[in-house]
């Protein structure tokens, strides 16, 4: 479930292949081997998942999408995208401690950002 207070980051060892001319990004999740195709909205949300809090994700997404979406619409899109990306194992809720992120679900540690 999306929380505006929680922090979100890409999971470890993702393989991303943007295809901007088609408006998509391929994402491979090696932990649970699967290939996903993200549309531009999900791709933007993924790009913003760098350890920032949910509220900051919504603010940044709303800023990028203005004037096409209100903040409430942006909240709905980010909430849906993060939920979907979490279910697919592409992003995870994390706790930040300096440069170390701890995956809240598994309590596994990773250094810095992952892509």
N, C-alpha and C. Protein backbone atom coordinates (compact mmCIF):
# COMPACT_ATOMS: atom_id res chain seq x y z
N UNK A 1 0.84 -1.17 0.00
CA UNK A 1 0.00 0.00 0.00
C UNK A 1 0.89 1.25 0.00
N UNK A 2 0.56 2.23 -0.83
CA UNK A 2 1.33 3.45 -0.96
C UNK A 2 1.17 4.32 0.28
N UNK A 3 2.27 4.88 0.75
CA UNK A 3 2.26 5.80 1.87
C UNK A 3 3.04 7.04 1.49
N UNK A 4 2.48 8.21 1.79
CA UNK A 4 3.20 9.45 1.48
C UNK A 4 4.38 9.66 2.42
N UNK A 5 4.43 8.92 3.53
CA UNK A 5 5.54 9.04 4.48
C UNK A 5 6.67 8.06 4.22
N UNK A 6 6.36 6.95 3.56
CA UNK A 6 7.37 5.93 3.29
C UNK A 6 8.32 6.39 2.20
N UNK A 7 9.51 5.80 2.16
CA UNK A 7 10.49 6.06 1.11
C UNK A 7 10.46 4.90 0.12
N UNK A 8 10.68 5.21 -1.16
CA UNK A 8 10.64 4.20 -2.21
C UNK A 8 11.90 4.28 -3.07
N UNK A 9 12.42 3.11 -3.44
CA UNK A 9 13.62 3.04 -4.28
C UNK A 9 13.51 1.85 -5.21
N UNK A 10 14.26 1.93 -6.30
CA UNK A 10 14.34 0.80 -7.24
C UNK A 10 14.94 -0.40 -6.51
N UNK A 11 14.50 -1.60 -6.86
CA UNK A 11 15.08 -2.79 -6.26
C UNK A 11 16.47 -3.04 -6.85
N UNK A 12 17.21 -3.91 -6.21
CA UNK A 12 18.59 -4.18 -6.62
C UNK A 12 18.66 -4.87 -7.97
N UNK A 13 19.69 -4.55 -8.71
CA UNK A 13 20.08 -5.23 -9.95
C UNK A 13 19.06 -5.14 -11.09
N UNK A 14 18.18 -4.16 -11.06
CA UNK A 14 17.26 -3.99 -12.19
C UNK A 14 18.04 -3.73 -13.47
N UNK A 15 17.52 -4.18 -14.57
CA UNK A 15 18.06 -3.85 -15.89
C UNK A 15 17.00 -3.04 -16.61
N UNK A 16 17.36 -1.81 -16.97
CA UNK A 16 16.41 -0.91 -17.63
C UNK A 16 16.90 -0.56 -19.02
N UNK A 17 15.99 -0.60 -19.98
CA UNK A 17 16.30 -0.22 -21.35
C UNK A 17 15.22 0.74 -21.86
N UNK A 18 15.48 2.04 -21.72
CA UNK A 18 14.52 3.02 -22.22
C UNK A 18 14.45 2.99 -23.75
N UNK A 19 13.26 3.16 -24.27
CA UNK A 19 13.03 3.27 -25.71
C UNK A 19 12.18 4.53 -25.89
N UNK A 20 12.81 5.72 -25.78
CA UNK A 20 12.06 6.97 -25.78
C UNK A 20 11.26 7.22 -27.06
N UNK A 21 11.78 6.76 -28.19
CA UNK A 21 11.05 6.99 -29.45
C UNK A 21 9.72 6.24 -29.49
N UNK A 22 9.58 5.22 -28.64
CA UNK A 22 8.33 4.48 -28.55
C UNK A 22 7.54 4.83 -27.28
N UNK A 23 8.14 5.65 -26.41
CA UNK A 23 7.47 6.04 -25.18
C UNK A 23 7.34 4.92 -24.18
N UNK A 24 8.33 4.00 -24.16
CA UNK A 24 8.30 2.88 -23.23
C UNK A 24 9.69 2.66 -22.63
N UNK A 25 9.70 1.88 -21.55
CA UNK A 25 10.95 1.46 -20.93
C UNK A 25 10.81 -0.01 -20.56
N UNK A 26 11.75 -0.83 -21.01
CA UNK A 26 11.76 -2.23 -20.63
C UNK A 26 12.50 -2.36 -19.30
N UNK A 27 11.97 -3.16 -18.41
CA UNK A 27 12.60 -3.40 -17.11
C UNK A 27 12.64 -4.90 -16.88
N UNK A 28 13.85 -5.40 -16.58
CA UNK A 28 14.04 -6.81 -16.26
C UNK A 28 14.34 -6.92 -14.77
N UNK A 29 13.64 -7.83 -14.09
CA UNK A 29 13.85 -8.06 -12.67
C UNK A 29 14.55 -9.42 -12.49
N UNK A 30 15.85 -9.42 -12.28
CA UNK A 30 16.58 -10.68 -12.18
C UNK A 30 16.24 -11.50 -10.93
N UNK A 31 15.82 -10.86 -9.85
CA UNK A 31 15.49 -11.61 -8.64
C UNK A 31 14.33 -12.58 -8.87
N UNK A 32 13.35 -12.13 -9.62
CA UNK A 32 12.23 -12.96 -10.07
C UNK A 32 12.19 -12.75 -11.57
N UNK A 33 12.95 -13.52 -12.33
CA UNK A 33 13.17 -13.23 -13.74
C UNK A 33 11.88 -12.98 -14.54
N UNK A 34 11.74 -11.71 -14.93
CA UNK A 34 10.60 -11.32 -15.73
C UNK A 34 10.92 -9.99 -16.41
N UNK A 35 10.38 -9.83 -17.61
CA UNK A 35 10.56 -8.60 -18.37
C UNK A 35 9.24 -7.84 -18.39
N UNK A 36 9.30 -6.56 -18.04
CA UNK A 36 8.12 -5.70 -18.02
C UNK A 36 8.30 -4.55 -19.00
N UNK A 37 7.19 -4.05 -19.51
CA UNK A 37 7.18 -2.87 -20.36
C UNK A 37 6.43 -1.77 -19.63
N UNK A 38 7.11 -0.66 -19.35
CA UNK A 38 6.48 0.46 -18.65
C UNK A 38 6.08 1.54 -19.64
N UNK A 39 4.90 2.12 -19.43
CA UNK A 39 4.50 3.28 -20.22
C UNK A 39 5.21 4.51 -19.65
N UNK A 40 5.01 5.66 -20.26
CA UNK A 40 5.76 6.85 -19.84
C UNK A 40 5.43 7.28 -18.42
N UNK A 41 4.19 7.11 -17.99
CA UNK A 41 3.82 7.50 -16.62
C UNK A 41 4.53 6.62 -15.60
N UNK A 42 4.46 5.30 -15.79
CA UNK A 42 5.13 4.38 -14.86
C UNK A 42 6.65 4.58 -14.91
N UNK A 43 7.17 4.85 -16.09
CA UNK A 43 8.61 5.10 -16.27
C UNK A 43 9.03 6.32 -15.46
N UNK A 44 8.22 7.40 -15.52
CA UNK A 44 8.53 8.60 -14.75
C UNK A 44 8.49 8.31 -13.26
N UNK A 45 7.48 7.60 -12.79
CA UNK A 45 7.40 7.25 -11.37
C UNK A 45 8.63 6.44 -10.97
N UNK A 46 9.01 5.47 -11.78
CA UNK A 46 10.20 4.67 -11.48
C UNK A 46 11.44 5.54 -11.39
N UNK A 47 11.58 6.47 -12.31
CA UNK A 47 12.74 7.37 -12.30
C UNK A 47 12.79 8.21 -11.02
N UNK A 48 11.62 8.52 -10.48
CA UNK A 48 11.55 9.33 -9.26
C UNK A 48 11.75 8.52 -7.99
N UNK A 49 11.70 7.20 -8.09
CA UNK A 49 11.89 6.33 -6.92
C UNK A 49 13.37 6.18 -6.63
N UNK A 50 13.93 7.18 -5.98
CA UNK A 50 15.35 7.21 -5.68
C UNK A 50 15.62 7.26 -4.19
N UNK A 51 14.62 6.79 -3.42
CA UNK A 51 14.74 6.83 -1.97
C UNK A 51 13.94 7.95 -1.34
N UNK A 52 13.29 8.75 -2.18
CA UNK A 52 12.51 9.86 -1.62
C UNK A 52 11.18 9.36 -1.06
N UNK A 53 10.60 10.18 -0.22
CA UNK A 53 9.31 9.85 0.39
C UNK A 53 8.18 9.92 -0.63
N UNK A 54 7.10 9.22 -0.33
CA UNK A 54 5.94 9.21 -1.21
C UNK A 54 5.41 10.60 -1.51
N UNK A 55 5.38 11.45 -0.51
CA UNK A 55 4.91 12.83 -0.71
C UNK A 55 5.78 13.57 -1.71
N UNK A 56 7.09 13.39 -1.62
CA UNK A 56 8.01 14.02 -2.56
C UNK A 56 7.84 13.43 -3.96
N UNK A 57 7.53 12.14 -4.05
CA UNK A 57 7.24 11.51 -5.35
C UNK A 57 6.05 12.19 -6.00
N UNK A 58 4.99 12.35 -5.22
CA UNK A 58 3.78 12.98 -5.76
C UNK A 58 4.06 14.41 -6.18
N UNK A 59 4.79 15.16 -5.36
CA UNK A 59 5.12 16.56 -5.70
C UNK A 59 5.92 16.63 -6.99
N UNK A 60 6.94 15.79 -7.12
CA UNK A 60 7.78 15.81 -8.32
C UNK A 60 6.99 15.38 -9.55
N UNK A 61 6.15 14.37 -9.40
CA UNK A 61 5.33 13.89 -10.52
C UNK A 61 4.35 14.99 -10.94
N UNK A 62 3.70 15.62 -9.97
CA UNK A 62 2.74 16.69 -10.26
C UNK A 62 3.43 17.85 -10.97
N UNK A 63 4.65 18.17 -10.54
CA UNK A 63 5.40 19.25 -11.18
C UNK A 63 5.71 18.93 -12.65
N UNK A 64 6.10 17.67 -12.91
CA UNK A 64 6.41 17.25 -14.28
C UNK A 64 5.16 17.22 -15.16
N UNK A 65 4.02 16.90 -14.57
CA UNK A 65 2.79 16.73 -15.34
C UNK A 65 1.94 18.00 -15.42
N UNK A 66 2.32 19.05 -14.67
CA UNK A 66 1.56 20.30 -14.71
C UNK A 66 1.66 20.91 -16.10
N UNK A 67 0.62 21.50 -16.61
CA UNK A 67 -0.70 21.74 -16.01
C UNK A 67 -1.72 20.66 -16.37
N UNK A 68 -1.28 19.53 -16.84
CA UNK A 68 -2.19 18.49 -17.32
C UNK A 68 -2.93 17.75 -16.21
N UNK A 69 -2.32 17.70 -15.00
CA UNK A 69 -2.94 16.99 -13.88
C UNK A 69 -2.95 17.87 -12.65
N UNK A 70 -3.99 17.73 -11.84
CA UNK A 70 -4.00 18.37 -10.53
C UNK A 70 -3.16 17.53 -9.58
N UNK A 71 -2.87 18.06 -8.40
CA UNK A 71 -2.10 17.28 -7.43
C UNK A 71 -2.87 16.04 -7.01
N UNK A 72 -4.19 16.15 -6.87
CA UNK A 72 -4.99 14.97 -6.50
C UNK A 72 -4.94 13.90 -7.58
N UNK A 73 -4.97 14.31 -8.83
CA UNK A 73 -4.85 13.34 -9.93
C UNK A 73 -3.46 12.71 -9.93
N UNK A 74 -2.44 13.54 -9.68
CA UNK A 74 -1.07 13.03 -9.60
C UNK A 74 -0.94 12.03 -8.46
N UNK A 75 -1.55 12.31 -7.32
CA UNK A 75 -1.51 11.39 -6.19
C UNK A 75 -2.10 10.04 -6.59
N UNK A 76 -3.24 10.06 -7.28
CA UNK A 76 -3.86 8.81 -7.72
C UNK A 76 -2.97 8.03 -8.67
N UNK A 77 -2.36 8.71 -9.62
CA UNK A 77 -1.48 8.03 -10.59
C UNK A 77 -0.24 7.46 -9.92
N UNK A 78 0.38 8.23 -9.03
CA UNK A 78 1.58 7.76 -8.34
C UNK A 78 1.23 6.59 -7.43
N UNK A 79 0.14 6.70 -6.70
CA UNK A 79 -0.29 5.61 -5.81
C UNK A 79 -0.48 4.31 -6.60
N UNK A 80 -1.19 4.40 -7.73
CA UNK A 80 -1.43 3.21 -8.55
C UNK A 80 -0.14 2.65 -9.14
N UNK A 81 0.73 3.55 -9.62
CA UNK A 81 1.98 3.11 -10.24
C UNK A 81 2.90 2.46 -9.22
N UNK A 82 3.05 3.07 -8.04
CA UNK A 82 3.93 2.51 -7.02
C UNK A 82 3.40 1.15 -6.57
N UNK A 83 2.10 1.04 -6.38
CA UNK A 83 1.51 -0.25 -5.98
C UNK A 83 1.84 -1.32 -7.03
N UNK A 84 1.68 -0.98 -8.30
CA UNK A 84 1.96 -1.93 -9.38
C UNK A 84 3.45 -2.27 -9.45
N UNK A 85 4.31 -1.27 -9.33
CA UNK A 85 5.75 -1.49 -9.39
C UNK A 85 6.23 -2.31 -8.19
N UNK A 86 5.62 -2.10 -7.03
CA UNK A 86 5.97 -2.92 -5.86
C UNK A 86 5.57 -4.38 -6.07
N UNK A 87 4.36 -4.60 -6.58
CA UNK A 87 3.90 -5.97 -6.82
C UNK A 87 4.79 -6.71 -7.81
N UNK A 88 5.35 -5.98 -8.76
CA UNK A 88 6.22 -6.58 -9.78
C UNK A 88 7.66 -6.73 -9.30
N UNK A 89 7.97 -6.19 -8.12
CA UNK A 89 9.33 -6.29 -7.61
C UNK A 89 10.29 -5.30 -8.24
N UNK A 90 9.75 -4.21 -8.78
CA UNK A 90 10.58 -3.19 -9.44
C UNK A 90 10.99 -2.10 -8.46
N UNK A 91 10.12 -1.75 -7.54
CA UNK A 91 10.45 -0.80 -6.47
C UNK A 91 10.11 -1.45 -5.14
N UNK A 92 10.71 -0.90 -4.08
CA UNK A 92 10.45 -1.40 -2.73
C UNK A 92 10.40 -0.23 -1.77
N UNK A 93 9.67 -0.42 -0.71
CA UNK A 93 9.64 0.54 0.38
C UNK A 93 10.95 0.37 1.15
N UNK A 94 11.64 1.46 1.41
CA UNK A 94 12.95 1.39 2.05
C UNK A 94 13.04 2.37 3.21
N UNK A 95 13.98 2.09 4.09
CA UNK A 95 14.35 3.01 5.16
C UNK A 95 15.74 3.51 4.82
N UNK A 96 15.95 4.80 4.96
CA UNK A 96 17.27 5.36 4.66
C UNK A 96 18.03 5.59 5.94
N UNK A 97 19.28 5.13 5.92
CA UNK A 97 20.20 5.37 7.03
C UNK A 97 21.53 5.77 6.40
N UNK A 98 21.73 7.06 6.27
CA UNK A 98 22.93 7.53 5.58
C UNK A 98 22.88 7.12 4.12
N UNK A 99 23.91 6.41 3.65
CA UNK A 99 23.95 5.95 2.26
C UNK A 99 23.41 4.53 2.11
N UNK A 100 22.94 3.95 3.22
CA UNK A 100 22.44 2.58 3.18
C UNK A 100 20.92 2.58 3.21
N UNK A 101 20.32 1.80 2.32
CA UNK A 101 18.87 1.64 2.29
C UNK A 101 18.56 0.24 2.77
N UNK A 102 17.56 0.10 3.59
CA UNK A 102 17.10 -1.20 4.05
C UNK A 102 15.72 -1.45 3.47
N UNK A 103 15.56 -2.54 2.74
CA UNK A 103 14.27 -2.92 2.20
C UNK A 103 13.37 -3.29 3.36
N UNK A 104 12.27 -2.56 3.53
CA UNK A 104 11.39 -2.77 4.66
C UNK A 104 10.78 -4.17 4.63
N UNK A 105 10.44 -4.67 3.45
CA UNK A 105 9.79 -5.98 3.33
C UNK A 105 10.74 -7.12 3.70
N UNK A 106 11.99 -7.04 3.27
CA UNK A 106 12.92 -8.16 3.49
C UNK A 106 14.02 -7.82 4.49
N UNK A 107 14.12 -6.54 4.82
CA UNK A 107 15.19 -6.07 5.70
C UNK A 107 16.57 -6.38 5.15
N UNK A 108 16.70 -6.44 3.80
CA UNK A 108 18.01 -6.64 3.19
C UNK A 108 18.62 -5.28 2.92
N UNK A 109 19.93 -5.19 2.92
CA UNK A 109 20.60 -3.91 2.77
C UNK A 109 21.25 -3.80 1.40
N UNK A 110 21.25 -2.55 0.90
CA UNK A 110 21.97 -2.26 -0.33
C UNK A 110 22.61 -0.89 -0.19
N UNK A 111 23.74 -0.70 -0.82
CA UNK A 111 24.44 0.58 -0.78
C UNK A 111 23.98 1.45 -1.93
N UNK A 112 23.63 2.72 -1.63
CA UNK A 112 23.31 3.70 -2.66
C UNK A 112 22.13 3.29 -3.53
N UNK A 113 21.96 3.99 -4.65
CA UNK A 113 20.87 3.72 -5.58
C UNK A 113 21.17 2.52 -6.45
N UNK A 114 20.13 1.92 -6.97
CA UNK A 114 20.31 0.77 -7.86
C UNK A 114 19.55 1.03 -9.15
N UNK A 115 20.07 0.47 -10.22
CA UNK A 115 19.36 0.59 -11.50
C UNK A 115 19.60 -0.62 -12.32
